[in-house]
C-alpha atoms as a PDB file:
ATOM      1  CA  MET A   1     -38.003 -11.401   9.634  1.00  0.00           C
ATOM      2  CA  ILE A   2     -36.348 -13.799   7.006  1.00  0.00           C
ATOM      3  CA  LYS A   3     -35.511 -11.095   4.957  1.00  0.00           C
ATOM      4  CA  PRO A   4     -32.691  -9.501   7.462  1.00  0.00           C
ATOM      5  CA  VAL A   5     -31.179 -12.579   7.436  1.00  0.00           C
ATOM      6  CA  LEU A   6     -31.068 -13.506   4.228  1.00  0.00           C
ATOM      7  CA  ASN A   7     -29.344  -9.823   3.430  1.00  0.00           C
ATOM      8  CA  SER A   8     -27.141 -10.698   6.160  1.00  0.00           C
ATOM      9  CA  ALA A   9     -26.227 -14.146   4.540  1.00  0.00           C
ATOM     10  CA  GLY A  10     -25.860 -12.375   1.282  1.00  0.00           C
ATOM     11  CA  LEU A  11     -23.461  -9.726   2.885  1.00  0.00           C
ATOM     12  CA  VAL A  12     -21.400 -12.685   4.482  1.00  0.00           C
ATOM     13  CA  ALA A  13     -21.238 -14.192   1.189  1.00  0.00           C
ATOM     14  CA  VAL A  14     -20.002 -11.275  -0.628  1.00  0.00           C
ATOM     15  CA  ALA A  15     -17.443 -10.498   1.891  1.00  0.00           C
ATOM     16  CA  LEU A  16     -15.814 -13.834   1.747  1.00  0.00           C
ATOM     17  CA  ALA A  17     -15.594 -13.689  -2.093  1.00  0.00           C
ATOM     18  CA  VAL A  18     -13.713  -9.996  -2.048  1.00  0.00           C
ATOM     19  CA  PHE A  19     -11.446 -11.326   0.474  1.00  0.00           C
ATOM     20  CA  ASN A  20     -10.700 -14.348  -1.162  1.00  0.00           C
ATOM     21  CA  LEU A  21     -10.212 -12.550  -4.648  1.00  0.00           C
ATOM     22  CA  SER A  22      -8.031  -9.858  -2.621  1.00  0.00           C
ATOM     23  CA  ALA A  23      -5.654 -12.976  -1.280  1.00  0.00           C
ATOM     24  CA  CYS A  24      -5.024 -13.899  -4.797  1.00  0.00           C
ATOM     25  CA  SER A  25      -1.904 -12.081  -6.032  1.00  0.00           C
ATOM     26  CA  THR A  26      -1.320 -11.143  -9.594  1.00  0.00           C
ATOM     27  CA  ALA A  27       2.274 -10.282  -8.492  1.00  0.00           C
ATOM     28  CA  GLN A  28       4.739 -11.501 -11.240  1.00  0.00           C
ATOM     29  CA  THR A  29       8.703 -11.951  -9.302  1.00  0.00           C
ATOM     30  CA  HIS A  30      11.882 -12.074 -11.005  1.00  0.00           C
ATOM     31  CA  LYS A  31      14.555 -12.851  -8.979  1.00  0.00           C
ATOM     32  CA  VAL A  32      17.745 -10.922  -9.726  1.00  0.00           C
ATOM     33  CA  ASP A  33      20.271 -12.451  -7.094  1.00  0.00           C
ATOM     34  CA  ASP A  34      19.943 -13.783  -3.635  1.00  0.00           C
ATOM     35  CA  GLU A  35      18.582 -10.523  -2.046  1.00  0.00           C
ATOM     36  CA  THR A  36      17.287  -8.581  -4.951  1.00  0.00           C
ATOM     37  CA  TYR A  37      13.876  -9.092  -6.565  1.00  0.00           C
ATOM     38  CA  TYR A  38      11.983  -7.613  -9.401  1.00  0.00           C
ATOM     39  CA  LEU A  39       8.071  -7.504  -8.732  1.00  0.00           C
ATOM     40  CA  THR A  40       5.259  -6.545 -11.375  1.00  0.00           C
ATOM     41  CA  GLU A  41       1.747  -6.334 -11.229  1.00  0.00           C
ATOM     42  CA  TYR A  42      -0.547  -5.200 -14.283  1.00  0.00           C
ATOM     43  CA  TYR A  43      -3.413  -2.753 -13.905  1.00  0.00           C
ATOM     44  CA  SER A  44      -6.187  -1.398 -16.418  1.00  0.00           C
ATOM     45  CA  GLU A  45      -6.888   1.760 -14.365  1.00  0.00           C
ATOM     46  CA  PRO A  46      -5.578   5.109 -14.077  1.00  0.00           C
ATOM     47  CA  LEU A  47      -2.267   5.229 -12.129  1.00  0.00           C
ATOM     48  CA  THR A  48      -2.828   6.927  -8.786  1.00  0.00           C
ATOM     49  CA  ASP A  49       0.382   6.180  -7.094  1.00  0.00           C
ATOM     50  CA  PHE A  50       3.027   3.273  -6.623  1.00  0.00           C
ATOM     51  CA  GLU A  51       1.714   1.377  -3.562  1.00  0.00           C
ATOM     52  CA  SER A  52       0.446  -2.319  -4.056  1.00  0.00           C
ATOM     53  CA  TRP A  53      -1.131  -4.619  -1.368  1.00  0.00           C
ATOM     54  CA  ALA A  54      -0.119  -7.341  -3.444  1.00  0.00           C
ATOM     55  CA  LEU A  55       3.453  -6.264  -4.179  1.00  0.00           C
ATOM     56  CA  ARG A  56       3.866  -5.456  -0.545  1.00  0.00           C
ATOM     57  CA  ARG A  57       2.574  -8.869   0.461  1.00  0.00           C
ATOM     58  CA  GLN A  58       4.982 -10.404  -2.160  1.00  0.00           C
ATOM     59  CA  ALA A  59       7.737  -8.486  -0.838  1.00  0.00           C
ATOM     60  CA  LYS A  60       7.140  -9.481   2.658  1.00  0.00           C
ATOM     61  CA  GLU A  61       6.961 -13.204   1.830  1.00  0.00           C
ATOM     62  CA  LEU A  62      10.097 -12.795   0.046  1.00  0.00           C
ATOM     63  CA  CYS A  63      12.181 -10.810   2.694  1.00  0.00           C
ATOM     64  CA  PRO A  64      10.285 -11.766   6.146  1.00  0.00           C
ATOM     65  CA  THR A  65      13.076  -9.584   7.987  1.00  0.00           C
ATOM     66  CA  GLY A  66      12.351  -6.473   6.024  1.00  0.00           C
ATOM     67  CA  TYR A  67      13.186  -4.635   2.342  1.00  0.00           C
ATOM     68  CA  ASP A  68      14.117  -1.453   0.701  1.00  0.00           C
ATOM     69  CA  TYR A  69      12.852   0.189  -2.146  1.00  0.00           C
ATOM     70  CA  LEU A  70      15.445   0.382  -4.905  1.00  0.00           C
ATOM     71  CA  LEU A  71      12.962   1.556  -7.380  1.00  0.00           C
ATOM     72  CA  ARG A  72       9.269   2.112  -7.941  1.00  0.00           C
ATOM     73  CA  LYS A  73       7.769   3.026 -11.299  1.00  0.00           C
ATOM     74  CA  ALA A  74       5.045   2.564 -13.644  1.00  0.00           C
ATOM     75  CA  GLY A  75       5.365   1.839 -17.541  1.00  0.00           C
ATOM     76  CA  LYS A  76       3.453   1.760 -20.207  1.00  0.00           C
ATOM     77  CA  PRO A  77       4.058   2.532 -24.234  1.00  0.00           C
ATOM     78  CA  SER A  78       1.474   5.438 -24.311  1.00  0.00           C
ATOM     79  CA  GLU A  79       0.237   8.280 -22.036  1.00  0.00           C
ATOM     80  CA  PHE A  80      -1.416   7.497 -18.512  1.00  0.00           C
ATOM     81  CA  ALA A  81      -5.125   8.113 -18.352  1.00  0.00           C
ATOM     82  CA  LYS A  82      -5.874  10.370 -15.577  1.00  0.00           C
ATOM     83  CA  GLN A  83      -9.595   9.920 -14.641  1.00  0.00           C
ATOM     84  CA  HIS A  84     -11.278   6.881 -14.649  1.00  0.00           C
ATOM     85  CA  PHE A  85     -13.802   7.881 -17.372  1.00  0.00           C
ATOM     86  CA  GLN A  86     -11.144   7.886 -19.781  1.00  0.00           C
ATOM     87  CA  CYS A  87     -10.545   3.953 -19.581  1.00  0.00           C
ATOM     88  CA  LEU A  88     -14.434   3.436 -20.200  1.00  0.00           C
ATOM     89  CA  GLY A  89     -13.807   5.182 -24.260  1.00  0.00           C
ATOM     90  CA  GLU A  90     -10.477   5.369 -26.187  1.00  0.00           C
ATOM     91  CA  LYS A  91      -8.055   5.231 -24.004  1.00  0.00           C
ATOM     92  CA  ASP A  92      -5.773   2.279 -23.110  1.00  0.00           C
ATOM     93  CA  CYS A  93      -5.518   2.183 -19.118  1.00  0.00           C
ATOM     94  CA  SER A  94      -3.168  -0.812 -18.682  1.00  0.00           C
ATOM     95  CA  TYR A  95       0.049  -0.467 -17.195  1.00  0.00           C
ATOM     96  CA  ALA A  96       2.588  -2.351 -15.132  1.00  0.00           C
ATOM     97  CA  LEU A  97       3.508  -1.084 -11.523  1.00  0.00           C
ATOM     98  CA  GLU A  98       7.324  -2.331 -11.100  1.00  0.00           C
ATOM     99  CA  TRP A  99       9.336  -2.686  -7.845  1.00  0.00           C
ATOM    100  CA  ARG A 100      12.963  -3.668  -7.459  1.00  0.00           C
ATOM    101  CA  ILE A 101      13.331  -4.421  -3.785  1.00  0.00           C
ATOM    102  CA  ARG A 102      16.604  -5.745  -1.803  1.00  0.00           C
ATOM    103  CA  CYS A 103      16.201  -7.882   1.370  1.00  0.00           C
ATOM    104  CA  VAL A 104      17.437  -6.020   4.558  1.00  0.00           C
ATOM    105  CA  GLU A 105      17.030  -6.258   8.585  1.00  0.00           C
ATOM    106  CA  ARG A 106      14.620  -4.024   9.402  1.00  0.00           C
ATOM    107  CA  PRO A 107      12.084  -3.917  11.923  1.00  0.00           C
ATOM    108  CA  GLU A 108       8.345  -4.047  10.557  1.00  0.00           C
ATOM    109  CA  GLU A 109       6.451  -0.588  10.481  1.00  0.00           C
ATOM    110  CA  LYS A 110       3.652   0.193  12.949  1.00  0.00           C
ATOM    111  CA  PHE A 111       0.306   0.475  11.425  1.00  0.00           C
ATOM    112  CA  SER A 112      -0.988   4.128  11.434  1.00  0.00           C
ATOM    113  CA  ILE A 113      -4.191   5.254  10.433  1.00  0.00           C
ATOM    114  CA  PHE A 114      -2.135   8.407   9.332  1.00  0.00           C
ATOM    115  CA  GLY A 115      -0.416   6.536   6.889  1.00  0.00           C
ATOM    116  CA  ARG A 116       3.569   5.967   6.844  1.00  0.00           C
ATOM    117  CA  THR A 117       5.508   8.051   9.209  1.00  0.00           C
END
């Protein structure tokens, strides 16, 4: 009887820790002008896409009425890793994900389980 309660309490503690860590943004911001910003986040894993919750959250804070992407790129001085197992060995998997955004007035996108429409 006590074991399920302890398991549940452990799961809640882990969930809260993950939530708190996900709220900590590693995004760095550089203001170019009143409407334009460079946002950068550093990773150490293979590049999968140019999306980032931390950069999206930072962009929403900087531009609460909406924003346009001017540039989205990933950069590093060497070749990108293609698989996670390459990061365990000899390959350096670190890279910087960079966005340049411009604040505009745009309605917020509605959430869809099918992604962006």
